[in-house]
Amino acid sequence: MVTQSKKPAPDTARRSERSRRAIYDAALGLVAEAGYPKTTVEGIAARAGVGKQTIYRWWGSKADVLLEAFLDLSEQAAADAGQVSYAIPDTGDLAADLKLVLRLTVDQMADPRFDAPSRALAAEGLVNEQLGREFVAKLLEPQLQLYVTRLRSAQHAGQVRADVDPRIALELFVSPLAQRWLQHTGPITHEYTDTLVDYALFGLAPR
């Protein structure tokens, strides 16, 4: 008697992961092409090839989808670079280390994959308080803490005054860059961020 082998049960976890990745790609792609206001849950679902109910089962809004997709994109970029997460090197030369990481930030800002969704999240976070808090907690603050860690290391090495608050000091070069990027007040270049570091570390008074 010949028995028929049973078909393997569908791998729901793998299927869910494929759907999730398709939704990430769809959300990021639509925001880049059409802008945040014209991106809808229906549009994301259609582009990802899933039902709208699938998205609402995992996320509460298109903003939630975009935030998670952008976080995943950042993690993937770090993995592609062979890093667990972005980090600021500590070579002993504080100025060189800060200039390096800020140049990498400039390059990322110029990448359309990052530019459109990050602008959309920053703008939506101003009017959507919950999203704004999540954007800061999950994306912005962890990156700022990398600067805090590097500046504290410089303090221990005697390169930065002991009374300086690293969390405030980092704003001398991070905040002007963010403002110029958000408001389009000038070009975002390596030379610009190098100058920010020089001004922040060495001041404006004659030496």
C-alpha atoms as a PDB file:
ATOM      1  CA  MET A   1       0.000   0.000   0.000  1.00  0.00           C
ATOM      2  CA  VAL A   2       1.416   3.320  -1.060  1.00  0.00           C
ATOM      3  CA  THR A   3       0.988   6.181   1.366  1.00  0.00           C
ATOM      4  CA  GLN A   4       1.072   9.768   0.275  1.00  0.00           C
ATOM      5  CA  SER A   5       3.477  12.042   2.068  1.00  0.00           C
ATOM      6  CA  LYS A   6       1.892  14.968   3.786  1.00  0.00           C
ATOM      7  CA  LYS A   7       2.576  18.415   2.405  1.00  0.00           C
ATOM      8  CA  PRO A   8       4.628  20.489   4.786  1.00  0.00           C
ATOM      9  CA  ALA A   9       2.628  23.000   6.759  1.00  0.00           C
ATOM     10  CA  PRO A  10       2.963  26.571   5.496  1.00  0.00           C
ATOM     11  CA  ASP A  11       5.631  28.529   7.296  1.00  0.00           C
ATOM     12  CA  THR A  12       3.509  31.373   8.650  1.00  0.00           C
ATOM     13  CA  ALA A  13       6.484  33.052  10.335  1.00  0.00           C
ATOM     14  CA  ARG A  14       8.395  33.251   7.066  1.00  0.00           C
ATOM     15  CA  ARG A  15       5.329  34.464   5.220  1.00  0.00           C
ATOM     16  CA  SER A  16       4.733  37.144   7.862  1.00  0.00           C
ATOM     17  CA  GLU A  17       8.339  38.292   7.615  1.00  0.00           C
ATOM     18  CA  ARG A  18       8.075  38.548   3.830  1.00  0.00           C
ATOM     19  CA  SER A  19       4.920  40.611   4.201  1.00  0.00           C
ATOM     20  CA  ARG A  20       6.508  42.835   6.814  1.00  0.00           C
ATOM     21  CA  ARG A  21       9.524  43.507   4.601  1.00  0.00           C
ATOM     22  CA  ALA A  22       7.276  44.207   1.620  1.00  0.00           C
ATOM     23  CA  ILE A  23       5.361  46.719   3.734  1.00  0.00           C
ATOM     24  CA  TYR A  24       8.587  48.403   4.846  1.00  0.00           C
ATOM     25  CA  ASP A  25       9.748  48.730   1.246  1.00  0.00           C
ATOM     26  CA  ALA A  26       6.369  50.001   0.112  1.00  0.00           C
ATOM     27  CA  ALA A  27       6.148  52.649   2.837  1.00  0.00           C
ATOM     28  CA  LEU A  28       9.656  53.964   2.218  1.00  0.00           C
ATOM     29  CA  GLY A  29       9.196  53.909  -1.540  1.00  0.00           C
ATOM     30  CA  LEU A  30       5.874  55.750  -1.521  1.00  0.00           C
ATOM     31  CA  VAL A  31       7.107  58.452   0.832  1.00  0.00           C
ATOM     32  CA  ALA A  32      10.155  59.010  -1.364  1.00  0.00           C
ATOM     33  CA  GLU A  33       8.077  59.172  -4.546  1.00  0.00           C
ATOM     34  CA  ALA A  34       4.850  60.874  -3.480  1.00  0.00           C
ATOM     35  CA  GLY A  35       5.647  62.519  -0.154  1.00  0.00           C
ATOM     36  CA  TYR A  36       4.209  61.802   3.261  1.00  0.00           C
ATOM     37  CA  PRO A  37       0.792  63.534   2.857  1.00  0.00           C
ATOM     38  CA  LYS A  38      -0.043  61.488  -0.245  1.00  0.00           C
ATOM     39  CA  THR A  39       1.114  58.205   1.265  1.00  0.00           C
ATOM     40  CA  THR A  40      -1.793  56.169   2.636  1.00  0.00           C
ATOM     41  CA  VAL A  41      -2.224  52.842   4.366  1.00  0.00           C
ATOM     42  CA  GLU A  42      -4.254  51.727   1.357  1.00  0.00           C
ATOM     43  CA  GLY A  43      -1.425  52.695  -0.977  1.00  0.00           C
ATOM     44  CA  ILE A  44       1.158  50.911   1.146  1.00  0.00           C
ATOM     45  CA  ALA A  45      -0.987  47.779   1.261  1.00  0.00           C
ATOM     46  CA  ALA A  46      -1.551  47.790  -2.496  1.00  0.00           C
ATOM     47  CA  ARG A  47       2.123  48.266  -3.277  1.00  0.00           C
ATOM     48  CA  ALA A  48       3.167  45.587  -0.769  1.00  0.00           C
ATOM     49  CA  GLY A  49       0.590  43.128  -2.086  1.00  0.00           C
ATOM     50  CA  VAL A  50      -1.112  42.666   1.276  1.00  0.00           C
ATOM     51  CA  GLY A  51      -4.526  43.457   2.684  1.00  0.00           C
ATOM     52  CA  LYS A  52      -5.084  46.702   4.531  1.00  0.00           C
ATOM     53  CA  GLN A  53      -6.156  44.681   7.565  1.00  0.00           C
ATOM     54  CA  THR A  54      -2.677  43.133   7.687  1.00  0.00           C
ATOM     55  CA  ILE A  55      -1.140  46.541   8.236  1.00  0.00           C
ATOM     56  CA  TYR A  56      -3.655  47.524  10.890  1.00  0.00           C
ATOM     57  CA  ARG A  57      -3.030  44.234  12.667  1.00  0.00           C
ATOM     58  CA  TRP A  58       0.617  45.231  13.180  1.00  0.00           C
ATOM     59  CA  TRP A  59       0.530  49.049  13.238  1.00  0.00           C
ATOM     60  CA  GLY A  60      -1.896  51.759  14.265  1.00  0.00           C
ATOM     61  CA  SER A  61      -1.165  54.255  11.496  1.00  0.00           C
ATOM     62  CA  LYS A  62       0.991  54.997   8.470  1.00  0.00           C
ATOM     63  CA  ALA A  63       3.275  57.016  10.758  1.00  0.00           C
ATOM     64  CA  ASP A  64       3.911  53.916  12.864  1.00  0.00           C
ATOM     65  CA  VAL A  65       4.683  51.909   9.726  1.00  0.00           C
ATOM     66  CA  LEU A  66       7.110  54.525   8.454  1.00  0.00           C
ATOM     67  CA  LEU A  67       8.919  54.864  11.785  1.00  0.00           C
ATOM     68  CA  GLU A  68       9.482  51.128  12.062  1.00  0.00           C
ATOM     69  CA  ALA A  69      10.498  50.889   8.402  1.00  0.00           C
ATOM     70  CA  PHE A  70      13.014  53.695   8.848  1.00  0.00           C
ATOM     71  CA  LEU A  71      14.474  52.126  11.981  1.00  0.00           C
ATOM     72  CA  ASP A  72      14.849  48.871  10.073  1.00  0.00           C
ATOM     73  CA  LEU A  73      16.524  50.711   7.190  1.00  0.00           C
ATOM     74  CA  SER A  74      19.027  52.250   9.597  1.00  0.00           C
ATOM     75  CA  GLU A  75      19.785  48.859  11.132  1.00  0.00           C
ATOM     76  CA  GLN A  76      20.237  47.314   7.706  1.00  0.00           C
ATOM     77  CA  ALA A  77      22.638  50.095   6.690  1.00  0.00           C
ATOM     78  CA  ALA A  78      24.679  49.481   9.834  1.00  0.00           C
ATOM     79  CA  ALA A  79      24.721  45.738   9.163  1.00  0.00           C
ATOM     80  CA  ASP A  80      25.852  46.310   5.573  1.00  0.00           C
ATOM     81  CA  ALA A  81      28.714  48.365   6.966  1.00  0.00           C
ATOM     82  CA  GLY A  82      29.647  45.504   9.287  1.00  0.00           C
ATOM     83  CA  GLN A  83      28.458  47.297  12.407  1.00  0.00           C
ATOM     84  CA  VAL A  84      25.983  46.331  15.091  1.00  0.00           C
ATOM     85  CA  SER A  85      25.100  50.001  15.293  1.00  0.00           C
ATOM     86  CA  TYR A  86      26.626  53.268  14.275  1.00  0.00           C
ATOM     87  CA  ALA A  87      29.399  54.354  16.607  1.00  0.00           C
ATOM     88  CA  ILE A  88      31.827  57.227  16.885  1.00  0.00           C
ATOM     89  CA  PRO A  89      35.444  56.049  16.723  1.00  0.00           C
ATOM     90  CA  ASP A  90      37.828  56.895  19.537  1.00  0.00           C
ATOM     91  CA  THR A  91      41.265  57.334  17.979  1.00  0.00           C
ATOM     92  CA  GLY A  92      42.403  59.846  20.568  1.00  0.00           C
ATOM     93  CA  ASP A  93      41.852  62.726  18.127  1.00  0.00           C
ATOM     94  CA  LEU A  94      38.450  64.145  19.078  1.00  0.00           C
ATOM     95  CA  ALA A  95      38.203  66.616  16.207  1.00  0.00           C
ATOM     96  CA  ALA A  96      39.049  63.971  13.595  1.00  0.00           C
ATOM     97  CA  ASP A  97      36.595  61.490  15.081  1.00  0.00           C
ATOM     98  CA  LEU A  98      33.721  63.995  15.155  1.00  0.00           C
ATOM     99  CA  LYS A  99      34.476  65.176  11.627  1.00  0.00           C
ATOM    100  CA  LEU A 100      34.432  61.597  10.380  1.00  0.00           C
ATOM    101  CA  VAL A 101      31.042  60.714  11.828  1.00  0.00           C
ATOM    102  CA  LEU A 102      29.498  64.022  10.762  1.00  0.00           C
ATOM    103  CA  ARG A 103      30.754  63.483   7.216  1.00  0.00           C
ATOM    104  CA  LEU A 104      29.049  60.089   7.234  1.00  0.00           C
ATOM    105  CA  THR A 105      25.894  61.814   8.478  1.00  0.00           C
ATOM    106  CA  VAL A 106      26.079  64.275   5.589  1.00  0.00           C
ATOM    107  CA  ASP A 107      26.401  61.380   3.134  1.00  0.00           C
ATOM    108  CA  GLN A 108      23.349  59.721   4.654  1.00  0.00           C
ATOM    109  CA  MET A 109      21.355  62.966   4.453  1.00  0.00           C
ATOM    110  CA  ALA A 110      22.131  63.102   0.736  1.00  0.00           C
ATOM    111  CA  ASP A 111      20.849  59.545   0.224  1.00  0.00           C
ATOM    112  CA  PRO A 112      17.220  59.680  -1.018  1.00  0.00           C
ATOM    113  CA  ARG A 113      16.455  56.427   0.836  1.00  0.00           C
ATOM    114  CA  PHE A 114      17.063  58.240   4.120  1.00  0.00           C
ATOM    115  CA  ASP A 115      16.247  61.843   3.265  1.00  0.00           C
ATOM    116  CA  ALA A 116      12.546  61.527   2.385  1.00  0.00           C
ATOM    117  CA  PRO A 117      11.402  59.299   5.265  1.00  0.00           C
ATOM    118  CA  SER A 118      13.482  61.112   7.881  1.00  0.00           C
ATOM    119  CA  ARG A 119      12.093  64.478   6.781  1.00  0.00           C
ATOM    120  CA  ALA A 120       8.576  63.054   6.842  1.00  0.00           C
ATOM    121  CA  LEU A 121       9.019  61.657  10.348  1.00  0.00           C
ATOM    122  CA  ALA A 122      10.586  64.871  11.643  1.00  0.00           C
ATOM    123  CA  ALA A 123       7.742  66.972  10.233  1.00  0.00           C
ATOM    124  CA  GLU A 124       4.963  64.642  11.382  1.00  0.00           C
ATOM    125  CA  GLY A 125       6.534  64.413  14.829  1.00  0.00           C
ATOM    126  CA  LEU A 126       5.901  68.135  15.311  1.00  0.00           C
ATOM    127  CA  VAL A 127       2.123  67.678  15.071  1.00  0.00           C
ATOM    128  CA  ASN A 128       1.819  64.064  16.229  1.00  0.00           C
ATOM    129  CA  GLU A 129       3.027  64.129  19.837  1.00  0.00           C
ATOM    130  CA  GLN A 130       3.117  60.362  20.277  1.00  0.00           C
ATOM    131  CA  LEU A 131       5.098  59.842  17.090  1.00  0.00           C
ATOM    132  CA  GLY A 132       7.401  62.694  18.042  1.00  0.00           C
ATOM    133  CA  ARG A 133       8.216  61.056  21.371  1.00  0.00           C
ATOM    134  CA  GLU A 134       8.854  57.698  19.712  1.00  0.00           C
ATOM    135  CA  PHE A 135      11.004  59.308  17.012  1.00  0.00           C
ATOM    136  CA  VAL A 136      13.174  60.937  19.674  1.00  0.00           C
ATOM    137  CA  ALA A 137      13.327  57.888  21.965  1.00  0.00           C
ATOM    138  CA  LYS A 138      13.958  55.237  19.313  1.00  0.00           C
ATOM    139  CA  LEU A 139      16.010  57.087  16.733  1.00  0.00           C
ATOM    140  CA  LEU A 140      17.342  60.466  17.784  1.00  0.00           C
ATOM    141  CA  GLU A 141      18.360  59.971  21.424  1.00  0.00           C
ATOM    142  CA  PRO A 142      20.369  56.756  20.862  1.00  0.00           C
ATOM    143  CA  GLN A 143      22.406  58.580  18.220  1.00  0.00           C
ATOM    144  CA  LEU A 144      22.982  61.576  20.484  1.00  0.00           C
ATOM    145  CA  GLN A 145      24.163  59.290  23.267  1.00  0.00           C
ATOM    146  CA  LEU A 146      27.010  58.175  20.995  1.00  0.00           C
ATOM    147  CA  TYR A 147      28.275  61.758  21.008  1.00  0.00           C
ATOM    148  CA  VAL A 148      27.878  61.925  24.789  1.00  0.00           C
ATOM    149  CA  THR A 149      29.998  58.784  25.173  1.00  0.00           C
ATOM    150  CA  ARG A 150      32.728  60.129  22.883  1.00  0.00           C
ATOM    151  CA  LEU A 151      32.836  63.528  24.583  1.00  0.00           C
ATOM    152  CA  ARG A 152      33.058  61.909  28.023  1.00  0.00           C
ATOM    153  CA  SER A 153      35.983  59.848  26.788  1.00  0.00           C
ATOM    154  CA  ALA A 154      37.635  63.089  25.661  1.00  0.00           C
ATOM    155  CA  GLN A 155      37.017  64.561  29.105  1.00  0.00           C
ATOM    156  CA  HIS A 156      38.759  61.608  30.731  1.00  0.00           C
ATOM    157  CA  ALA A 157      41.687  62.165  28.373  1.00  0.00           C
ATOM    158  CA  GLY A 158      41.891  65.841  29.329  1.00  0.00           C
ATOM    159  CA  GLN A 159      40.861  67.034  25.862  1.00  0.00           C
ATOM    160  CA  VAL A 160      37.582  68.614  27.030  1.00  0.00           C
ATOM    161  CA  ARG A 161      37.034  70.652  30.192  1.00  0.00           C
ATOM    162  CA  ALA A 162      35.753  68.573  33.099  1.00  0.00           C
ATOM    163  CA  ASP A 163      32.906  70.998  33.800  1.00  0.00           C
ATOM    164  CA  VAL A 164      31.437  70.705  30.294  1.00  0.00           C
ATOM    165  CA  ASP A 165      28.061  68.938  29.989  1.00  0.00           C
ATOM    166  CA  PRO A 166      28.482  66.587  26.983  1.00  0.00           C
ATOM    167  CA  ARG A 167      24.736  66.506  26.305  1.00  0.00           C
ATOM    168  CA  ILE A 168      24.723  70.282  25.829  1.00  0.00           C
ATOM    169  CA  ALA A 169      28.099  70.437  24.101  1.00  0.00           C
ATOM    170  CA  LEU A 170      27.066  68.069  21.303  1.00  0.00           C
ATOM    171  CA  GLU A 171      24.368  70.540  20.273  1.00  0.00           C
ATOM    172  CA  LEU A 172      27.077  72.955  19.146  1.00  0.00           C
ATOM    173  CA  PHE A 173      27.619  70.890  16.011  1.00  0.00           C
ATOM    174  CA  VAL A 174      24.580  68.578  15.785  1.00  0.00           C
ATOM    175  CA  SER A 175      21.853  71.225  16.092  1.00  0.00           C
ATOM    176  CA  PRO A 176      23.151  73.613  13.381  1.00  0.00           C
ATOM    177  CA  LEU A 177      23.439  70.695  10.985  1.00  0.00           C
ATOM    178  CA  ALA A 178      19.891  69.533  11.725  1.00  0.00           C
ATOM    179  CA  GLN A 179      18.515  73.057  11.341  1.00  0.00           C
ATOM    180  CA  ARG A 180      20.241  73.643   8.009  1.00  0.00           C
ATOM    181  CA  TRP A 181      19.017  70.270   6.746  1.00  0.00           C
ATOM    182  CA  LEU A 182      15.405  70.809   7.847  1.00  0.00           C
ATOM    183  CA  GLN A 183      15.080  74.406   6.720  1.00  0.00           C
ATOM    184  CA  HIS A 184      17.254  74.300   3.578  1.00  0.00           C
ATOM    185  CA  THR A 185      19.190  77.355   4.766  1.00  0.00           C
ATOM    186  CA  GLY A 186      22.448  76.369   3.087  1.00  0.00           C
ATOM    187  CA  PRO A 187      24.426  73.535   1.516  1.00  0.00           C
ATOM    188  CA  ILE A 188      25.123  70.404   3.558  1.00  0.00           C
ATOM    189  CA  THR A 189      28.742  69.510   2.880  1.00  0.00           C
ATOM    190  CA  HIS A 190      31.735  67.890   4.528  1.00  0.00           C
ATOM    191  CA  GLU A 191      33.397  71.295   4.680  1.00  0.00           C
ATOM    192  CA  TYR A 192      30.420  72.699   6.561  1.00  0.00           C
ATOM    193  CA  THR A 193      30.436  70.021   9.259  1.00  0.00           C
ATOM    194  CA  ASP A 194      34.237  70.201   9.567  1.00  0.00           C
ATOM    195  CA  THR A 195      33.841  73.915  10.283  1.00  0.00           C
ATOM    196  CA  LEU A 196      31.148  73.257  12.876  1.00  0.00           C
ATOM    197  CA  VAL A 197      33.511  70.948  14.744  1.00  0.00           C
ATOM    198  CA  ASP A 198      36.360  73.475  14.592  1.00  0.00           C
ATOM    199  CA  TYR A 199      34.145  76.279  15.886  1.00  0.00           C
ATOM    200  CA  ALA A 200      32.687  74.068  18.638  1.00  0.00           C
ATOM    201  CA  LEU A 201      36.014  72.749  19.883  1.00  0.00           C
ATOM    202  CA  PHE A 202      38.227  75.808  19.415  1.00  0.00           C
ATOM    203  CA  GLY A 203      35.785  78.699  19.779  1.00  0.00           C
ATOM    204  CA  LEU A 204      35.572  81.970  17.923  1.00  0.00           C
ATOM    205  CA  ALA A 205      38.090  84.079  19.827  1.00  0.00           C
ATOM    206  CA  PRO A 206      41.592  84.574  18.420  1.00  0.00           C
ATOM    207  CA  ARG A 207      44.030  81.929  19.655  1.00  0.00           C
END
